[in-house]
């Protein structure tokens, strides 16, 4: 029951984040894209918004494939983590993260998201060795 609540909550969070990427928070997300990304900031924000919406839908509705969805979402969280680090090291404001201490604290939440993606979907079962 708890795992399902976390999975559905994480899916809803991803849907909301993805919608934000494409609408009301689009400019704020653009400000968080590191300069070293060799693509248009707007493209990165829109593309990641689509990916987040798809993850949200998959986390909520693809229950038969939840282990694979959870693993893929955890990998996604790992892949976007350098952007969070860049926000801290480059002192970029966004979403109320307007001090270095707030940006640093936010970095500690990424492993929590990774854990929730793996735990709520039982994705770690994919790594068990069958006898």
Protein backbone atom coordinates (compact mmCIF):
# COMPACT_ATOMS: atom_id res chain seq x y z
CA UNK A 1 0.00 0.00 0.00
CA UNK A 2 2.76 2.49 0.95
CA UNK A 3 4.77 1.62 -2.14
CA UNK A 4 1.75 2.22 -4.35
CA UNK A 5 1.08 5.59 -2.72
CA UNK A 6 4.70 6.64 -3.24
CA UNK A 7 4.64 5.38 -6.85
CA UNK A 8 1.42 7.22 -7.67
CA UNK A 9 2.61 10.35 -5.82
CA UNK A 10 5.88 10.30 -7.73
CA UNK A 11 3.96 9.83 -10.96
CA UNK A 12 1.75 12.82 -10.15
CA UNK A 13 4.85 14.86 -9.28
CA UNK A 14 6.38 13.98 -12.66
CA UNK A 15 3.17 14.94 -14.49
CA UNK A 16 3.07 18.30 -12.72
CA UNK A 17 6.77 18.93 -13.37
CA UNK A 18 6.38 18.02 -17.03
CA UNK A 19 3.40 20.32 -17.45
CA UNK A 20 5.38 23.06 -15.71
CA UNK A 21 8.24 22.58 -18.17
CA UNK A 22 5.86 23.27 -21.02
CA UNK A 23 3.74 26.06 -19.51
CA UNK A 24 3.86 28.18 -16.36
CA UNK A 25 7.45 27.40 -15.30
CA UNK A 26 9.05 27.18 -18.73
CA UNK A 27 11.30 30.24 -18.31
CA UNK A 28 12.35 29.21 -14.82
CA UNK A 29 13.38 25.79 -16.09
CA UNK A 30 15.32 27.42 -18.96
CA UNK A 31 17.34 29.37 -16.42
CA UNK A 32 18.38 26.06 -14.85
CA UNK A 33 19.76 24.47 -18.03
CA UNK A 34 23.56 24.62 -17.83
CA UNK A 35 25.38 26.59 -20.52
CA UNK A 36 27.50 23.55 -21.40
CA UNK A 37 24.47 21.71 -22.83
CA UNK A 38 24.96 22.06 -26.62
CA UNK A 39 21.24 22.42 -27.38
CA UNK A 40 18.73 25.24 -27.20
CA UNK A 41 17.62 25.75 -23.60
CA UNK A 42 14.00 25.92 -24.75
CA UNK A 43 14.35 22.60 -26.60
CA UNK A 44 15.91 20.94 -23.53
CA UNK A 45 13.09 22.20 -21.30
CA UNK A 46 10.34 21.14 -23.71
CA UNK A 47 11.90 17.74 -24.41
CA UNK A 48 12.45 17.00 -20.73
CA UNK A 49 8.87 18.10 -20.07
CA UNK A 50 7.58 15.52 -22.54
CA UNK A 51 9.79 12.85 -20.94
CA UNK A 52 8.55 13.77 -17.46
CA UNK A 53 4.90 13.60 -18.55
CA UNK A 54 5.52 10.17 -20.07
CA UNK A 55 7.22 9.02 -16.86
CA UNK A 56 4.30 10.34 -14.84
CA UNK A 57 1.80 8.41 -16.93
CA UNK A 58 3.96 5.28 -16.86
CA UNK A 59 4.46 5.43 -13.07
CA UNK A 60 0.73 5.66 -12.49
CA UNK A 61 -0.69 3.35 -15.14
CA UNK A 62 1.97 0.88 -16.36
CA UNK A 63 1.78 -1.34 -13.29
CA UNK A 64 2.77 -4.54 -15.12
CA UNK A 65 6.04 -2.91 -16.20
CA UNK A 66 6.54 -0.87 -13.02
CA UNK A 67 9.99 -2.32 -12.26
CA UNK A 68 11.34 -1.19 -15.63
CA UNK A 69 9.61 2.18 -15.39
CA UNK A 70 11.06 2.73 -11.92
CA UNK A 71 14.55 1.80 -13.07
CA UNK A 72 14.27 4.11 -16.09
CA UNK A 73 13.01 6.96 -13.89
CA UNK A 74 15.88 6.45 -11.44
CA UNK A 75 18.32 6.62 -14.36
CA UNK A 76 16.60 9.81 -15.56
CA UNK A 77 17.06 11.33 -12.10
CA UNK A 78 20.77 10.42 -12.24
CA UNK A 79 21.11 11.96 -15.71
CA UNK A 80 19.56 15.31 -14.71
CA UNK A 81 21.60 15.52 -11.50
CA UNK A 82 24.54 17.31 -13.21
CA UNK A 83 22.10 20.12 -14.04
CA UNK A 84 21.24 20.41 -10.35
CA UNK A 85 24.92 20.50 -9.49
CA UNK A 86 25.46 23.20 -12.13
CA UNK A 87 22.64 25.24 -10.62
CA UNK A 88 24.53 25.13 -7.31
CA UNK A 89 28.05 25.74 -8.67
CA UNK A 90 26.94 28.46 -11.09
CA UNK A 91 24.75 30.16 -8.44
CA UNK A 92 21.60 30.06 -10.63
CA UNK A 93 18.32 31.03 -8.98
CA UNK A 94 15.15 29.11 -9.65
CA UNK A 95 12.09 27.85 -7.80
CA UNK A 96 12.94 29.74 -4.64
CA UNK A 97 16.48 28.37 -4.61
CA UNK A 98 18.02 31.81 -4.32
CA UNK A 99 20.94 31.08 -2.01
CA UNK A 100 23.83 28.64 -2.20
CA UNK A 101 22.66 26.91 0.98
CA UNK A 102 19.20 26.29 -0.50
CA UNK A 103 20.71 25.03 -3.75
CA UNK A 104 23.06 22.75 -1.81
CA UNK A 105 20.22 21.37 0.30
CA UNK A 106 18.27 20.60 -2.89
CA UNK A 107 21.11 18.34 -4.05
CA UNK A 108 20.40 15.99 -1.15
CA UNK A 109 16.83 15.43 -2.39
CA UNK A 110 17.91 13.89 -5.71
CA UNK A 111 19.03 10.63 -4.04
CA UNK A 112 15.66 10.56 -2.27
CA UNK A 113 13.88 10.74 -5.63
CA UNK A 114 16.11 7.97 -6.96
CA UNK A 115 15.33 5.84 -3.91
CA UNK A 116 11.57 6.46 -4.25
CA UNK A 117 11.64 5.48 -7.93
CA UNK A 118 13.45 2.22 -7.16
CA UNK A 119 11.64 1.38 -3.90
CA UNK A 120 8.08 2.15 -4.97
CA UNK A 121 8.34 0.02 -8.12
CA UNK A 122 10.44 -2.84 -6.71
CA UNK A 123 12.95 -2.09 -9.47
CA UNK A 124 15.83 -3.56 -7.49
CA UNK A 125 14.27 -7.01 -8.01
CA UNK A 126 15.55 -6.76 -11.58
CA UNK A 127 19.07 -7.23 -10.23
CA UNK A 128 18.43 -10.38 -8.19
CA UNK A 129 20.27 -13.41 -9.40
CA UNK A 130 17.95 -16.33 -10.10
CA UNK A 131 19.12 -19.72 -8.89
